[in-house]
Amino acid sequence: MSRAATASAWPQPGYDVGQSYYNSHESIVNAGTVQTLRRRWLATPLYADSLEKTLKGE
């Protein structure tokens, strides 16, 4: 595996123990490239009410 791939690999869900979802080694997605991102898929939850509760923190 290349050094860049190793540096940006997420060792666990949420990236780190605190689940910050922040990878300080990320170099591909940044303020200059984010506008080029395109949605490749969309997931619809089976139970919309449970999603709403999750978003509200219930």
PDB file of N, CA and C in Angstrom:
ATOM      1  N   MET A   1       0.854  -1.184   0.000  1.00  0.00           N
ATOM      2  CA  MET A   1       0.000   0.000   0.000  1.00  0.00           C
ATOM      3  C   MET A   1       0.891   1.235   0.000  1.00  0.00           C
ATOM      4  N   SER A   2       0.481   2.248  -0.737  1.00  0.00           N
ATOM      5  CA  SER A   2       1.294   3.451  -0.809  1.00  0.00           C
ATOM      6  C   SER A   2       1.235   4.231   0.508  1.00  0.00           C
ATOM      7  N   ARG A   3       2.202   5.082   0.694  1.00  0.00           N
ATOM      8  CA  ARG A   3       2.249   5.893   1.918  1.00  0.00           C
ATOM      9  C   ARG A   3       1.013   6.783   2.032  1.00  0.00           C
ATOM     10  N   ALA A   4       0.576   7.395   0.922  1.00  0.00           N
ATOM     11  CA  ALA A   4      -0.601   8.265   0.941  1.00  0.00           C
ATOM     12  C   ALA A   4      -1.848   7.489   1.322  1.00  0.00           C
ATOM     13  N   ALA A   5      -1.988   6.282   0.794  1.00  0.00           N
ATOM     14  CA  ALA A   5      -3.155   5.465   1.125  1.00  0.00           C
ATOM     15  C   ALA A   5      -3.138   5.085   2.599  1.00  0.00           C
ATOM     16  N   THR A   6      -1.971   4.801   3.131  1.00  0.00           N
ATOM     17  CA  THR A   6      -1.857   4.452   4.545  1.00  0.00           C
ATOM     18  C   THR A   6      -2.197   5.642   5.432  1.00  0.00           C
ATOM     19  N   ALA A   7      -1.718   6.822   5.080  1.00  0.00           N
ATOM     20  CA  ALA A   7      -1.947   8.013   5.894  1.00  0.00           C
ATOM     21  C   ALA A   7      -3.413   8.409   5.922  1.00  0.00           C
ATOM     22  N   SER A   8      -4.143   8.145   4.844  1.00  0.00           N
ATOM     23  CA  SER A   8      -5.534   8.566   4.802  1.00  0.00           C
ATOM     24  C   SER A   8      -6.509   7.452   5.154  1.00  0.00           C
ATOM     25  N   ALA A   9      -6.025   6.257   5.429  1.00  0.00           N
ATOM     26  CA  ALA A   9      -6.905   5.137   5.764  1.00  0.00           C
ATOM     27  C   ALA A   9      -7.562   5.371   7.123  1.00  0.00           C
ATOM     28  N   TRP A  10      -8.823   5.004   7.218  1.00  0.00           N
ATOM     29  CA  TRP A  10      -9.554   5.157   8.473  1.00  0.00           C
ATOM     30  C   TRP A  10      -9.428   3.853   9.247  1.00  0.00           C
ATOM     31  N   PRO A  11      -8.784   3.864  10.414  1.00  0.00           N
ATOM     32  CA  PRO A  11      -8.550   2.639  11.161  1.00  0.00           C
ATOM     33  C   PRO A  11      -9.817   2.060  11.796  1.00  0.00           C
ATOM     34  N   GLN A  12     -10.860   2.856  11.916  1.00  0.00           N
ATOM     35  CA  GLN A  12     -12.116   2.404  12.531  1.00  0.00           C
ATOM     36  C   GLN A  12     -13.225   3.373  12.132  1.00  0.00           C
ATOM     37  N   PRO A  13     -14.485   2.983  12.329  1.00  0.00           N
ATOM     38  CA  PRO A  13     -15.575   3.913  12.011  1.00  0.00           C
ATOM     39  C   PRO A  13     -15.414   5.225  12.784  1.00  0.00           C
ATOM     40  N   GLY A  14     -15.624   6.339  12.101  1.00  0.00           N
ATOM     41  CA  GLY A  14     -15.477   7.640  12.748  1.00  0.00           C
ATOM     42  C   GLY A  14     -14.059   8.159  12.724  1.00  0.00           C
ATOM     43  N   TYR A  15     -13.162   7.426  12.131  1.00  0.00           N
ATOM     44  CA  TYR A  15     -11.746   7.714  11.957  1.00  0.00           C
ATOM     45  C   TYR A  15     -10.901   7.478  13.193  1.00  0.00           C
ATOM     46  N   ASP A  16     -11.318   7.990  14.349  1.00  0.00           N
ATOM     47  CA  ASP A  16     -10.486   7.852  15.540  1.00  0.00           C
ATOM     48  C   ASP A  16     -11.328   7.412  16.732  1.00  0.00           C
ATOM     49  N   VAL A  17     -10.684   7.247  17.866  1.00  0.00           N
ATOM     50  CA  VAL A  17     -11.372   6.783  19.070  1.00  0.00           C
ATOM     51  C   VAL A  17     -12.515   7.715  19.459  1.00  0.00           C
ATOM     52  N   GLY A  18     -12.342   9.013  19.258  1.00  0.00           N
ATOM     53  CA  GLY A  18     -13.381   9.980  19.589  1.00  0.00           C
ATOM     54  C   GLY A  18     -14.454  10.107  18.525  1.00  0.00           C
ATOM     55  N   GLN A  19     -14.350   9.307  17.456  1.00  0.00           N
ATOM     56  CA  GLN A  19     -15.278   9.343  16.323  1.00  0.00           C
ATOM     57  C   GLN A  19     -15.488  10.768  15.811  1.00  0.00           C
ATOM     58  N   SER A  20     -14.378  11.452  15.539  1.00  0.00           N
ATOM     59  CA  SER A  20     -14.420  12.839  15.070  1.00  0.00           C
ATOM     60  C   SER A  20     -14.792  12.945  13.594  1.00  0.00           C
ATOM     61  N   TYR A  21     -14.629  11.854  12.844  1.00  0.00           N
ATOM     62  CA  TYR A  21     -14.845  11.847  11.394  1.00  0.00           C
ATOM     63  C   TYR A  21     -13.952  12.877  10.699  1.00  0.00           C
ATOM     64  N   TYR A  22     -12.832  13.208  11.311  1.00  0.00           N
ATOM     65  CA  TYR A  22     -11.886  14.158  10.736  1.00  0.00           C
ATOM     66  C   TYR A  22     -10.545  13.473  10.525  1.00  0.00           C
ATOM     67  N   ASN A  23     -10.046  13.534   9.305  1.00  0.00           N
ATOM     68  CA  ASN A  23      -8.761  12.947   8.965  1.00  0.00           C
ATOM     69  C   ASN A  23      -7.820  14.072   8.564  1.00  0.00           C
ATOM     70  N   SER A  24      -6.885  14.413   9.435  1.00  0.00           N
ATOM     71  CA  SER A  24      -5.963  15.519   9.168  1.00  0.00           C
ATOM     72  C   SER A  24      -5.018  15.226   8.011  1.00  0.00           C
ATOM     73  N   HIS A  25      -4.931  13.965   7.582  1.00  0.00           N
ATOM     74  CA  HIS A  25      -4.053  13.592   6.472  1.00  0.00           C
ATOM     75  C   HIS A  25      -4.764  13.649   5.121  1.00  0.00           C
ATOM     76  N   GLU A  26      -6.051  13.954   5.113  1.00  0.00           N
ATOM     77  CA  GLU A  26      -6.807  14.018   3.855  1.00  0.00           C
ATOM     78  C   GLU A  26      -6.233  15.100   2.964  1.00  0.00           C
ATOM     79  N   SER A  27      -5.948  14.756   1.709  1.00  0.00           N
ATOM     80  CA  SER A  27      -5.376  15.742   0.795  1.00  0.00           C
ATOM     81  C   SER A  27      -6.131  15.801  -0.530  1.00  0.00           C
ATOM     82  N   ILE A  28      -7.119  14.940  -0.726  1.00  0.00           N
ATOM     83  CA  ILE A  28      -7.843  14.925  -1.994  1.00  0.00           C
ATOM     84  C   ILE A  28      -9.087  15.805  -1.921  1.00  0.00           C
ATOM     85  N   VAL A  29      -9.865  15.671  -0.848  1.00  0.00           N
ATOM     86  CA  VAL A  29     -11.054  16.507  -0.678  1.00  0.00           C
ATOM     87  C   VAL A  29     -10.668  17.692   0.183  1.00  0.00           C
ATOM     88  N   ASN A  30     -10.764  18.874  -0.399  1.00  0.00           N
ATOM     89  CA  ASN A  30     -10.422  20.098   0.325  1.00  0.00           C
ATOM     90  C   ASN A  30     -11.253  21.254  -0.230  1.00  0.00           C
ATOM     91  N   ALA A  31     -11.035  22.448   0.269  1.00  0.00           N
ATOM     92  CA  ALA A  31     -11.825  23.608  -0.152  1.00  0.00           C
ATOM     93  C   ALA A  31     -11.732  23.856  -1.660  1.00  0.00           C
ATOM     94  N   GLY A  32     -10.620  23.502  -2.271  1.00  0.00           N
ATOM     95  CA  GLY A  32     -10.449  23.720  -3.703  1.00  0.00           C
ATOM     96  C   GLY A  32     -11.046  22.644  -4.584  1.00  0.00           C
ATOM     97  N   THR A  33     -11.316  21.459  -4.037  1.00  0.00           N
ATOM     98  CA  THR A  33     -11.835  20.357  -4.852  1.00  0.00           C
ATOM     99  C   THR A  33     -13.261  19.952  -4.504  1.00  0.00           C
ATOM    100  N   VAL A  34     -13.785  20.444  -3.392  1.00  0.00           N
ATOM    101  CA  VAL A  34     -15.098  19.998  -2.939  1.00  0.00           C
ATOM    102  C   VAL A  34     -16.199  20.307  -3.962  1.00  0.00           C
ATOM    103  N   GLN A  35     -16.085  21.377  -4.712  1.00  0.00           N
ATOM    104  CA  GLN A  35     -17.117  21.718  -5.692  1.00  0.00           C
ATOM    105  C   GLN A  35     -17.167  20.730  -6.850  1.00  0.00           C
ATOM    106  N   THR A  36     -16.151  19.903  -7.006  1.00  0.00           N
ATOM    107  CA  THR A  36     -16.155  18.909  -8.086  1.00  0.00           C
ATOM    108  C   THR A  36     -16.808  17.597  -7.671  1.00  0.00           C
ATOM    109  N   LEU A  37     -17.169  17.448  -6.402  1.00  0.00           N
ATOM    110  CA  LEU A  37     -17.797  16.207  -5.941  1.00  0.00           C
ATOM    111  C   LEU A  37     -19.182  16.050  -6.557  1.00  0.00           C
ATOM    112  N   ARG A  38     -19.529  14.822  -6.884  1.00  0.00           N
ATOM    113  CA  ARG A  38     -20.844  14.513  -7.429  1.00  0.00           C
ATOM    114  C   ARG A  38     -21.414  13.323  -6.669  1.00  0.00           C
ATOM    115  N   ARG A  39     -22.714  13.356  -6.427  1.00  0.00           N
ATOM    116  CA  ARG A  39     -23.356  12.242  -5.733  1.00  0.00           C
ATOM    117  C   ARG A  39     -23.365  11.024  -6.648  1.00  0.00           C
ATOM    118  N   ARG A  40     -22.946   9.883  -6.103  1.00  0.00           N
ATOM    119  CA  ARG A  40     -22.916   8.653  -6.879  1.00  0.00           C
ATOM    120  C   ARG A  40     -24.037   7.709  -6.478  1.00  0.00           C
ATOM    121  N   TRP A  41     -24.598   7.887  -5.288  1.00  0.00           N
ATOM    122  CA  TRP A  41     -25.715   7.056  -4.850  1.00  0.00           C
ATOM    123  C   TRP A  41     -26.481   7.777  -3.760  1.00  0.00           C
ATOM    124  N   LEU A  42     -27.681   7.316  -3.501  1.00  0.00           N
ATOM    125  CA  LEU A  42     -28.541   7.899  -2.495  1.00  0.00           C
ATOM    126  C   LEU A  42     -29.251   6.766  -1.773  1.00  0.00           C
ATOM    127  N   ALA A  43     -29.215   6.782  -0.473  1.00  0.00           N
ATOM    128  CA  ALA A  43     -29.883   5.756   0.325  1.00  0.00           C
ATOM    129  C   ALA A  43     -31.109   6.371   0.988  1.00  0.00           C
ATOM    130  N   THR A  44     -32.204   5.665   0.923  1.00  0.00           N
ATOM    131  CA  THR A  44     -33.434   6.096   1.574  1.00  0.00           C
ATOM    132  C   THR A  44     -33.678   5.170   2.759  1.00  0.00           C
ATOM    133  N   PRO A  45     -33.816   5.725   3.956  1.00  0.00           N
ATOM    134  CA  PRO A  45     -34.034   4.867   5.129  1.00  0.00           C
ATOM    135  C   PRO A  45     -35.369   4.129   5.026  1.00  0.00           C
ATOM    136  N   LEU A  46     -35.399   2.916   5.556  1.00  0.00           N
ATOM    137  CA  LEU A  46     -36.629   2.132   5.549  1.00  0.00           C
ATOM    138  C   LEU A  46     -37.683   2.752   6.454  1.00  0.00           C
ATOM    139  N   TYR A  47     -37.227   3.341   7.536  1.00  0.00           N
ATOM    140  CA  TYR A  47     -38.145   3.904   8.515  1.00  0.00           C
ATOM    141  C   TYR A  47     -37.811   5.376   8.723  1.00  0.00           C
ATOM    142  N   ALA A  48     -38.527   6.247   8.044  1.00  0.00           N
ATOM    143  CA  ALA A  48     -38.239   7.678   8.104  1.00  0.00           C
ATOM    144  C   ALA A  48     -38.387   8.225   9.513  1.00  0.00           C
ATOM    145  N   ASP A  49     -39.344   7.701  10.299  1.00  0.00           N
ATOM    146  CA  ASP A  49     -39.531   8.213  11.651  1.00  0.00           C
ATOM    147  C   ASP A  49     -38.331   7.929  12.534  1.00  0.00           C
ATOM    148  N   SER A  50     -37.666   6.786  12.342  1.00  0.00           N
ATOM    149  CA  SER A  50     -36.482   6.479  13.142  1.00  0.00           C
ATOM    150  C   SER A  50     -35.323   7.381  12.749  1.00  0.00           C
ATOM    151  N   LEU A  51     -35.235   7.750  11.470  1.00  0.00           N
ATOM    152  CA  LEU A  51     -34.197   8.680  11.029  1.00  0.00           C
ATOM    153  C   LEU A  51     -34.414  10.040  11.672  1.00  0.00           C
ATOM    154  N   GLU A  52     -35.644  10.496  11.696  1.00  0.00           N
ATOM    155  CA  GLU A  52     -35.953  11.794  12.308  1.00  0.00           C
ATOM    156  C   GLU A  52     -35.561  11.801  13.776  1.00  0.00           C
ATOM    157  N   LYS A  53     -35.836  10.708  14.488  1.00  0.00           N
ATOM    158  CA  LYS A  53     -35.474  10.621  15.900  1.00  0.00           C
ATOM    159  C   LYS A  53     -33.957  10.622  16.064  1.00  0.00           C
ATOM    160  N   THR A  54     -33.270   9.949  15.151  1.00  0.00           N
ATOM    161  CA  THR A  54     -31.812   9.909  15.218  1.00  0.00           C
ATOM    162  C   THR A  54     -31.236  11.310  15.006  1.00  0.00           C
ATOM    163  N   LEU A  55     -31.757  12.029  14.041  1.00  0.00           N
ATOM    164  CA  LEU A  55     -31.261  13.373  13.761  1.00  0.00           C
ATOM    165  C   LEU A  55     -31.538  14.324  14.922  1.00  0.00           C
ATOM    166  N   LYS A  56     -32.625  14.100  15.646  1.00  0.00           N
ATOM    167  CA  LYS A  56     -32.968  14.934  16.795  1.00  0.00           C
ATOM    168  C   LYS A  56     -32.205  14.519  18.051  1.00  0.00           C
ATOM    169  N   GLY A  57     -31.525  13.358  17.989  1.00  0.00           N
ATOM    170  CA  GLY A  57     -30.760  12.885  19.129  1.00  0.00           C
ATOM    171  C   GLY A  57     -31.598  12.166  20.161  1.00  0.00           C
ATOM    172  N   GLU A  58     -32.725  11.637  19.759  1.00  0.00           N
ATOM    173  CA  GLU A  58     -33.605  10.915  20.707  1.00  0.00           C
ATOM    174  C   GLU A  58     -33.166   9.478  20.848  1.00  0.00           C
TER     175      GLU A  58
END
